[in-house]
């Protein structure tokens, strides 16, 4: 969902036909908090990743990636991350002004265009010459601060640091491609795995419901199950 659509949903610009004026005003007032919360977290993340008004010099293959939601591991739970073993720089001194538009929708479009030119094209050239390797790391919950209830919680790493448990290798010559040209789309779900490693927490439960409904639509449209091992259409996470 792009930023313009997200704001339209939060502001309830597409209200149901059955709603009266009072219902619309009341729900709009409730969503004011959600709009400001979304912008606060977005701005905070922007400041963290764009120091001193500069776009990141790190390319796709030298960034660290972290999952924000917990997964089961044994009797407890963990969060996961990918830590790169290689350096890929795409240039310095690129100003954030390059992705600033007059509206949020225009800024989003500029960021997508620049992202393709600055990061995706560089990543393709990098992968043509050498393998890309990430350490697959986990952070195991061992303290009450490592909560599964608070959706925006960042687990303190001084209490439980990330440590590598495996590697993810993308071999040189592999092609980066979108699925726009695929005749058949697969069904992906965070619940499509061993029960011992399934997601935990309220937001993951909500995701499971949405993934299942989306999977039903995809399978129905194609007339068959496009991926083995997905949840059965009647199963509830």
C-alpha atoms as a PDB file:
ATOM      1  CA  UNK A   1       0.000   0.000   0.000  1.00  0.00           C
ATOM      2  CA  UNK A   2       1.456   3.377  -0.940  1.00  0.00           C
ATOM      3  CA  UNK A   3       1.389   6.363   1.415  1.00  0.00           C
ATOM      4  CA  UNK A   4      -1.508   8.062  -0.370  1.00  0.00           C
ATOM      5  CA  UNK A   5      -3.734   4.980  -0.079  1.00  0.00           C
ATOM      6  CA  UNK A   6      -2.730   4.445   3.543  1.00  0.00           C
ATOM      7  CA  UNK A   7      -3.666   7.994   4.503  1.00  0.00           C
ATOM      8  CA  UNK A   8      -6.951   7.691   2.642  1.00  0.00           C
ATOM      9  CA  UNK A   9      -7.765   4.579   4.678  1.00  0.00           C
ATOM     10  CA  UNK A  10      -6.796   6.200   7.971  1.00  0.00           C
ATOM     11  CA  UNK A  11      -8.792   9.340   7.195  1.00  0.00           C
ATOM     12  CA  UNK A  12     -11.725   7.175   6.089  1.00  0.00           C
ATOM     13  CA  UNK A  13     -12.075   8.963   2.786  1.00  0.00           C
ATOM     14  CA  UNK A  14     -13.624   5.778   1.404  1.00  0.00           C
ATOM     15  CA  UNK A  15     -16.379   5.447   4.004  1.00  0.00           C
ATOM     16  CA  UNK A  16     -19.142   2.834   3.550  1.00  0.00           C
ATOM     17  CA  UNK A  17     -22.333   4.093   1.909  1.00  0.00           C
ATOM     18  CA  UNK A  18     -24.357   3.017   4.961  1.00  0.00           C
ATOM     19  CA  UNK A  19     -22.486   5.319   7.335  1.00  0.00           C
ATOM     20  CA  UNK A  20     -24.146   8.474   8.555  1.00  0.00           C
ATOM     21  CA  UNK A  21     -22.423  11.803   9.279  1.00  0.00           C
ATOM     22  CA  UNK A  22     -22.022  11.092  13.000  1.00  0.00           C
ATOM     23  CA  UNK A  23     -20.334   7.717  12.377  1.00  0.00           C
ATOM     24  CA  UNK A  24     -17.936   9.307   9.895  1.00  0.00           C
ATOM     25  CA  UNK A  25     -16.974  12.179  12.246  1.00  0.00           C
ATOM     26  CA  UNK A  26     -16.557   9.864  15.226  1.00  0.00           C
ATOM     27  CA  UNK A  27     -14.316   7.369  13.399  1.00  0.00           C
ATOM     28  CA  UNK A  28     -12.298  10.206  11.852  1.00  0.00           C
ATOM     29  CA  UNK A  29     -11.554  11.596  15.323  1.00  0.00           C
ATOM     30  CA  UNK A  30     -10.456   8.157  16.524  1.00  0.00           C
ATOM     31  CA  UNK A  31      -8.068   7.795  13.576  1.00  0.00           C
ATOM     32  CA  UNK A  32      -6.333  11.122  14.211  1.00  0.00           C
ATOM     33  CA  UNK A  33      -4.131   9.385  16.781  1.00  0.00           C
ATOM     34  CA  UNK A  34      -3.287   6.630  14.294  1.00  0.00           C
ATOM     35  CA  UNK A  35      -2.253   9.139  11.636  1.00  0.00           C
ATOM     36  CA  UNK A  36       0.124  10.992  13.969  1.00  0.00           C
ATOM     37  CA  UNK A  37       1.512   7.725  15.353  1.00  0.00           C
ATOM     38  CA  UNK A  38       2.234   6.453  11.844  1.00  0.00           C
ATOM     39  CA  UNK A  39       3.994   9.688  10.914  1.00  0.00           C
ATOM     40  CA  UNK A  40       5.997   9.684  14.171  1.00  0.00           C
ATOM     41  CA  UNK A  41       7.392   6.199  13.575  1.00  0.00           C
ATOM     42  CA  UNK A  42       8.027   6.928   9.908  1.00  0.00           C
ATOM     43  CA  UNK A  43       9.924  10.138  10.723  1.00  0.00           C
ATOM     44  CA  UNK A  44      11.920   8.445  13.485  1.00  0.00           C
ATOM     45  CA  UNK A  45      12.963   5.648  11.144  1.00  0.00           C
ATOM     46  CA  UNK A  46      13.863   8.204   8.462  1.00  0.00           C
ATOM     47  CA  UNK A  47      16.158  10.026  10.915  1.00  0.00           C
ATOM     48  CA  UNK A  48      17.810   6.760  11.948  1.00  0.00           C
ATOM     49  CA  UNK A  49      18.533   5.650   8.389  1.00  0.00           C
ATOM     50  CA  UNK A  50      19.335   9.048   6.819  1.00  0.00           C
ATOM     51  CA  UNK A  51      21.907  10.716   9.060  1.00  0.00           C
ATOM     52  CA  UNK A  52      22.667  14.398   8.457  1.00  0.00           C
ATOM     53  CA  UNK A  53      20.163  14.607   5.610  1.00  0.00           C
ATOM     54  CA  UNK A  54      22.078  12.112   3.454  1.00  0.00           C
ATOM     55  CA  UNK A  55      20.742   9.058   1.677  1.00  0.00           C
ATOM     56  CA  UNK A  56      22.340   5.791   2.757  1.00  0.00           C
ATOM     57  CA  UNK A  57      25.617   5.003   1.012  1.00  0.00           C
ATOM     58  CA  UNK A  58      25.144   1.291   1.702  1.00  0.00           C
ATOM     59  CA  UNK A  59      23.684  -0.773  -1.094  1.00  0.00           C
ATOM     60  CA  UNK A  60      21.140  -3.578  -0.769  1.00  0.00           C
ATOM     61  CA  UNK A  61      23.837  -6.217  -0.138  1.00  0.00           C
ATOM     62  CA  UNK A  62      25.566  -4.348   2.709  1.00  0.00           C
ATOM     63  CA  UNK A  63      22.468  -3.491   4.735  1.00  0.00           C
ATOM     64  CA  UNK A  64      21.326  -5.344   7.842  1.00  0.00           C
ATOM     65  CA  UNK A  65      17.758  -6.627   7.793  1.00  0.00           C
ATOM     66  CA  UNK A  66      15.668  -7.429  10.862  1.00  0.00           C
ATOM     67  CA  UNK A  67      12.239  -8.948  11.334  1.00  0.00           C
ATOM     68  CA  UNK A  68      10.162  -6.869  13.725  1.00  0.00           C
ATOM     69  CA  UNK A  69       7.863  -9.654  14.943  1.00  0.00           C
ATOM     70  CA  UNK A  70       8.707 -12.701  17.088  1.00  0.00           C
ATOM     71  CA  UNK A  71       8.704 -16.367  16.077  1.00  0.00           C
ATOM     72  CA  UNK A  72       8.617 -19.506  18.179  1.00  0.00           C
ATOM     73  CA  UNK A  73      11.897 -21.259  18.909  1.00  0.00           C
ATOM     74  CA  UNK A  74      11.688 -24.278  21.163  1.00  0.00           C
ATOM     75  CA  UNK A  75       9.791 -23.393  24.332  1.00  0.00           C
ATOM     76  CA  UNK A  76      10.449 -19.665  23.853  1.00  0.00           C
ATOM     77  CA  UNK A  77      10.556 -17.139  21.025  1.00  0.00           C
ATOM     78  CA  UNK A  78      13.042 -15.101  19.048  1.00  0.00           C
ATOM     79  CA  UNK A  79      13.453 -12.392  16.451  1.00  0.00           C
ATOM     80  CA  UNK A  80      15.612 -12.858  13.381  1.00  0.00           C
ATOM     81  CA  UNK A  81      17.982 -10.785  11.299  1.00  0.00           C
ATOM     82  CA  UNK A  82      20.306 -10.904   8.289  1.00  0.00           C
ATOM     83  CA  UNK A  83      23.830  -9.505   8.746  1.00  0.00           C
ATOM     84  CA  UNK A  84      25.866  -8.944   5.544  1.00  0.00           C
ATOM     85  CA  UNK A  85      29.396 -10.234   5.080  1.00  0.00           C
ATOM     86  CA  UNK A  86      30.162  -7.918   2.151  1.00  0.00           C
ATOM     87  CA  UNK A  87      30.411  -4.190   1.551  1.00  0.00           C
ATOM     88  CA  UNK A  88      28.530  -2.540  -1.287  1.00  0.00           C
ATOM     89  CA  UNK A  89      28.649   1.242  -1.503  1.00  0.00           C
ATOM     90  CA  UNK A  90      26.534   3.160  -4.017  1.00  0.00           C
ATOM     91  CA  UNK A  91      28.071   6.602  -3.603  1.00  0.00           C
ATOM     92  CA  UNK A  92      28.216   9.369  -1.029  1.00  0.00           C
ATOM     93  CA  UNK A  93      26.725  12.834  -0.532  1.00  0.00           C
ATOM     94  CA  UNK A  94      23.290  12.152  -2.028  1.00  0.00           C
ATOM     95  CA  UNK A  95      20.848  14.550  -0.395  1.00  0.00           C
ATOM     96  CA  UNK A  96      17.454  13.489   0.970  1.00  0.00           C
ATOM     97  CA  UNK A  97      16.005  16.420  -0.989  1.00  0.00           C
ATOM     98  CA  UNK A  98      16.099  14.118  -4.024  1.00  0.00           C
ATOM     99  CA  UNK A  99      13.092  12.236  -2.661  1.00  0.00           C
ATOM    100  CA  UNK A 100      11.134  15.172  -1.283  1.00  0.00           C
ATOM    101  CA  UNK A 101       7.974  16.016  -3.236  1.00  0.00           C
ATOM    102  CA  UNK A 102       5.140  18.487  -2.751  1.00  0.00           C
ATOM    103  CA  UNK A 103       2.858  15.712  -1.471  1.00  0.00           C
ATOM    104  CA  UNK A 104       3.445  12.418   0.303  1.00  0.00           C
ATOM    105  CA  UNK A 105       2.383  10.532  -2.808  1.00  0.00           C
ATOM    106  CA  UNK A 106       4.912  12.458  -4.937  1.00  0.00           C
ATOM    107  CA  UNK A 107       7.658  11.790  -2.372  1.00  0.00           C
ATOM    108  CA  UNK A 108       6.818   8.090  -2.452  1.00  0.00           C
ATOM    109  CA  UNK A 109       7.022   7.999  -6.257  1.00  0.00           C
ATOM    110  CA  UNK A 110      10.371   9.826  -6.245  1.00  0.00           C
ATOM    111  CA  UNK A 111      11.770   7.439  -3.631  1.00  0.00           C
ATOM    112  CA  UNK A 112      10.682   4.402  -5.660  1.00  0.00           C
ATOM    113  CA  UNK A 113      12.266   5.780  -8.843  1.00  0.00           C
ATOM    114  CA  UNK A 114      15.528   6.719  -7.116  1.00  0.00           C
ATOM    115  CA  UNK A 115      15.597   3.396  -5.272  1.00  0.00           C
ATOM    116  CA  UNK A 116      15.541   1.493  -8.544  1.00  0.00           C
ATOM    117  CA  UNK A 117      18.218   3.650 -10.146  1.00  0.00           C
ATOM    118  CA  UNK A 118      20.498   4.011  -7.107  1.00  0.00           C
ATOM    119  CA  UNK A 119      20.148   0.701  -5.276  1.00  0.00           C
ATOM    120  CA  UNK A 120      18.576  -1.984  -7.484  1.00  0.00           C
ATOM    121  CA  UNK A 121      20.768  -1.373 -10.526  1.00  0.00           C
ATOM    122  CA  UNK A 122      23.884  -1.378  -8.324  1.00  0.00           C
ATOM    123  CA  UNK A 123      22.774  -4.618  -6.663  1.00  0.00           C
ATOM    124  CA  UNK A 124      22.373  -6.343 -10.038  1.00  0.00           C
ATOM    125  CA  UNK A 125      25.899  -5.344 -11.135  1.00  0.00           C
ATOM    126  CA  UNK A 126      27.339  -6.479  -7.784  1.00  0.00           C
ATOM    127  CA  UNK A 127      25.646  -9.889  -8.062  1.00  0.00           C
ATOM    128  CA  UNK A 128      26.974 -10.376 -11.584  1.00  0.00           C
ATOM    129  CA  UNK A 129      30.536 -10.498 -10.212  1.00  0.00           C
ATOM    130  CA  UNK A 130      30.398 -12.278  -6.845  1.00  0.00           C
ATOM    131  CA  UNK A 131      28.323 -14.236  -4.371  1.00  0.00           C
ATOM    132  CA  UNK A 132      26.289 -12.426  -1.709  1.00  0.00           C
ATOM    133  CA  UNK A 133      26.377 -13.920   1.789  1.00  0.00           C
ATOM    134  CA  UNK A 134      24.365 -13.003   4.885  1.00  0.00           C
ATOM    135  CA  UNK A 135      24.624 -14.455   8.385  1.00  0.00           C
ATOM    136  CA  UNK A 136      21.184 -15.584   9.534  1.00  0.00           C
ATOM    137  CA  UNK A 137      21.031 -14.449  13.170  1.00  0.00           C
ATOM    138  CA  UNK A 138      18.495 -14.822  15.964  1.00  0.00           C
ATOM    139  CA  UNK A 139      17.833 -12.916  19.179  1.00  0.00           C
ATOM    140  CA  UNK A 140      16.330 -15.193  21.829  1.00  0.00           C
ATOM    141  CA  UNK A 141      13.902 -13.683  24.348  1.00  0.00           C
ATOM    142  CA  UNK A 142      15.237 -14.006  27.901  1.00  0.00           C
ATOM    143  CA  UNK A 143      13.762 -11.004  29.734  1.00  0.00           C
ATOM    144  CA  UNK A 144      10.386  -9.409  30.404  1.00  0.00           C
ATOM    145  CA  UNK A 145      11.420  -6.513  28.142  1.00  0.00           C
ATOM    146  CA  UNK A 146      11.401  -8.994  25.269  1.00  0.00           C
ATOM    147  CA  UNK A 147       7.644  -8.768  24.957  1.00  0.00           C
ATOM    148  CA  UNK A 148       5.443 -10.243  22.247  1.00  0.00           C
ATOM    149  CA  UNK A 149       2.515  -7.962  23.096  1.00  0.00           C
ATOM    150  CA  UNK A 150       3.921  -4.510  22.302  1.00  0.00           C
ATOM    151  CA  UNK A 151       3.879  -4.200  18.521  1.00  0.00           C
ATOM    152  CA  UNK A 152       6.586  -1.517  18.272  1.00  0.00           C
ATOM    153  CA  UNK A 153       8.925  -3.001  20.914  1.00  0.00           C
ATOM    154  CA  UNK A 154      12.651  -3.161  20.100  1.00  0.00           C
ATOM    155  CA  UNK A 155      14.208  -5.916  22.201  1.00  0.00           C
ATOM    156  CA  UNK A 156      17.314  -4.698  24.100  1.00  0.00           C
ATOM    157  CA  UNK A 157      20.390  -6.321  22.580  1.00  0.00           C
ATOM    158  CA  UNK A 158      22.463  -5.874  25.742  1.00  0.00           C
ATOM    159  CA  UNK A 159      20.151  -8.446  27.362  1.00  0.00           C
ATOM    160  CA  UNK A 160      20.170 -10.798  24.387  1.00  0.00           C
ATOM    161  CA  UNK A 161      22.468 -10.081  21.423  1.00  0.00           C
ATOM    162  CA  UNK A 162      21.911 -11.448  17.933  1.00  0.00           C
ATOM    163  CA  UNK A 163      24.075 -14.462  17.091  1.00  0.00           C
ATOM    164  CA  UNK A 164      24.528 -16.353  13.858  1.00  0.00           C
ATOM    165  CA  UNK A 165      22.932 -19.762  13.397  1.00  0.00           C
ATOM    166  CA  UNK A 166      23.411 -20.172   9.652  1.00  0.00           C
ATOM    167  CA  UNK A 167      24.082 -18.403   6.372  1.00  0.00           C
ATOM    168  CA  UNK A 168      22.049 -17.253   3.403  1.00  0.00           C
ATOM    169  CA  UNK A 169      23.966 -17.291   0.108  1.00  0.00           C
ATOM    170  CA  UNK A 170      22.815 -15.785  -3.178  1.00  0.00           C
ATOM    171  CA  UNK A 171      25.153 -17.062  -5.878  1.00  0.00           C
ATOM    172  CA  UNK A 172      26.562 -14.767  -8.522  1.00  0.00           C
ATOM    173  CA  UNK A 173      24.713 -14.803 -11.769  1.00  0.00           C
ATOM    174  CA  UNK A 174      21.339 -15.132 -10.079  1.00  0.00           C
ATOM    175  CA  UNK A 175      18.777 -12.785 -11.566  1.00  0.00           C
ATOM    176  CA  UNK A 176      16.934 -10.133  -9.589  1.00  0.00           C
ATOM    177  CA  UNK A 177      13.454  -9.984 -11.010  1.00  0.00           C
ATOM    178  CA  UNK A 178       9.965  -9.015 -10.025  1.00  0.00           C
ATOM    179  CA  UNK A 179       7.004 -11.351 -10.336  1.00  0.00           C
ATOM    180  CA  UNK A 180       5.161  -9.015 -12.710  1.00  0.00           C
ATOM    181  CA  UNK A 181       5.722 -11.381 -15.593  1.00  0.00           C
ATOM    182  CA  UNK A 182       4.780 -14.560 -13.774  1.00  0.00           C
ATOM    183  CA  UNK A 183       1.792 -16.366 -15.205  1.00  0.00           C
ATOM    184  CA  UNK A 184       1.077 -17.968 -11.836  1.00  0.00           C
ATOM    185  CA  UNK A 185       1.594 -16.335  -8.458  1.00  0.00           C
ATOM    186  CA  UNK A 186       2.572 -18.332  -5.418  1.00  0.00           C
ATOM    187  CA  UNK A 187       0.980 -18.086  -1.985  1.00  0.00           C
ATOM    188  CA  UNK A 188       3.436 -16.918   0.663  1.00  0.00           C
ATOM    189  CA  UNK A 189       2.594 -16.976   4.357  1.00  0.00           C
ATOM    190  CA  UNK A 190       4.591 -16.645   7.577  1.00  0.00           C
ATOM    191  CA  UNK A 191       2.481 -19.559   8.818  1.00  0.00           C
ATOM    192  CA  UNK A 192       3.694 -21.860   6.057  1.00  0.00           C
ATOM    193  CA  UNK A 193       6.403 -23.608   8.106  1.00  0.00           C
ATOM    194  CA  UNK A 194       6.999 -26.052  10.969  1.00  0.00           C
ATOM    195  CA  UNK A 195       4.765 -25.477  13.983  1.00  0.00           C
ATOM    196  CA  UNK A 196       7.849 -25.185  16.214  1.00  0.00           C
ATOM    197  CA  UNK A 197       8.907 -22.094  14.253  1.00  0.00           C
ATOM    198  CA  UNK A 198       5.585 -20.396  13.651  1.00  0.00           C
ATOM    199  CA  UNK A 199       4.912 -16.736  14.537  1.00  0.00           C
ATOM    200  CA  UNK A 200       3.705 -15.696  17.982  1.00  0.00           C
ATOM    201  CA  UNK A 201       1.928 -12.605  19.291  1.00  0.00           C
ATOM    202  CA  UNK A 202      -1.282 -10.719  18.476  1.00  0.00           C
ATOM    203  CA  UNK A 203      -0.081  -8.952  15.331  1.00  0.00           C
ATOM    204  CA  UNK A 204       1.193 -12.212  13.872  1.00  0.00           C
ATOM    205  CA  UNK A 205      -2.202 -13.772  14.567  1.00  0.00           C
ATOM    206  CA  UNK A 206      -3.811 -10.929  12.615  1.00  0.00           C
ATOM    207  CA  UNK A 207      -1.297 -11.467   9.797  1.00  0.00           C
ATOM    208  CA  UNK A 208      -2.145 -15.155   9.756  1.00  0.00           C
ATOM    209  CA  UNK A 209      -5.812 -14.366   9.233  1.00  0.00           C
ATOM    210  CA  UNK A 210      -5.069 -11.945   6.388  1.00  0.00           C
ATOM    211  CA  UNK A 211      -2.585 -14.303   4.715  1.00  0.00           C
ATOM    212  CA  UNK A 212      -5.141 -17.110   4.856  1.00  0.00           C
ATOM    213  CA  UNK A 213      -7.867 -14.945   3.284  1.00  0.00           C
ATOM    214  CA  UNK A 214      -5.511 -13.679   0.596  1.00  0.00           C
ATOM    215  CA  UNK A 215      -4.397 -17.266  -0.080  1.00  0.00           C
ATOM    216  CA  UNK A 216      -8.016 -18.326  -0.501  1.00  0.00           C
ATOM    217  CA  UNK A 217      -8.539 -15.586  -3.086  1.00  0.00           C
ATOM    218  CA  UNK A 218      -5.356 -16.506  -4.951  1.00  0.00           C
ATOM    219  CA  UNK A 219      -6.099 -20.229  -4.975  1.00  0.00           C
ATOM    220  CA  UNK A 220      -9.694 -19.619  -6.060  1.00  0.00           C
ATOM    221  CA  UNK A 221      -8.618 -17.307  -8.877  1.00  0.00           C
ATOM    222  CA  UNK A 222      -6.094 -19.836 -10.173  1.00  0.00           C
ATOM    223  CA  UNK A 223      -8.348 -22.804  -9.592  1.00  0.00           C
ATOM    224  CA  UNK A 224      -5.651 -24.700  -7.709  1.00  0.00           C
ATOM    225  CA  UNK A 225      -3.163 -24.444  -4.844  1.00  0.00           C
ATOM    226  CA  UNK A 226      -0.108 -22.630  -6.253  1.00  0.00           C
ATOM    227  CA  UNK A 227       2.257 -23.648  -3.422  1.00  0.00           C
ATOM    228  CA  UNK A 228       2.653 -26.864  -1.495  1.00  0.00           C
ATOM    229  CA  UNK A 229       2.535 -26.759   2.296  1.00  0.00           C
ATOM    230  CA  UNK A 230       0.295 -23.717   2.662  1.00  0.00           C
ATOM    231  CA  UNK A 231      -2.345 -23.705   5.372  1.00  0.00           C
ATOM    232  CA  UNK A 232      -5.470 -25.553   4.452  1.00  0.00           C
ATOM    233  CA  UNK A 233      -8.187 -23.088   3.607  1.00  0.00           C
ATOM    234  CA  UNK A 234     -10.222 -24.015   6.672  1.00  0.00           C
ATOM    235  CA  UNK A 235      -7.391 -23.978   9.211  1.00  0.00           C
ATOM    236  CA  UNK A 236      -7.212 -21.145  11.725  1.00  0.00           C
ATOM    237  CA  UNK A 237      -3.692 -20.180  12.914  1.00  0.00           C
END
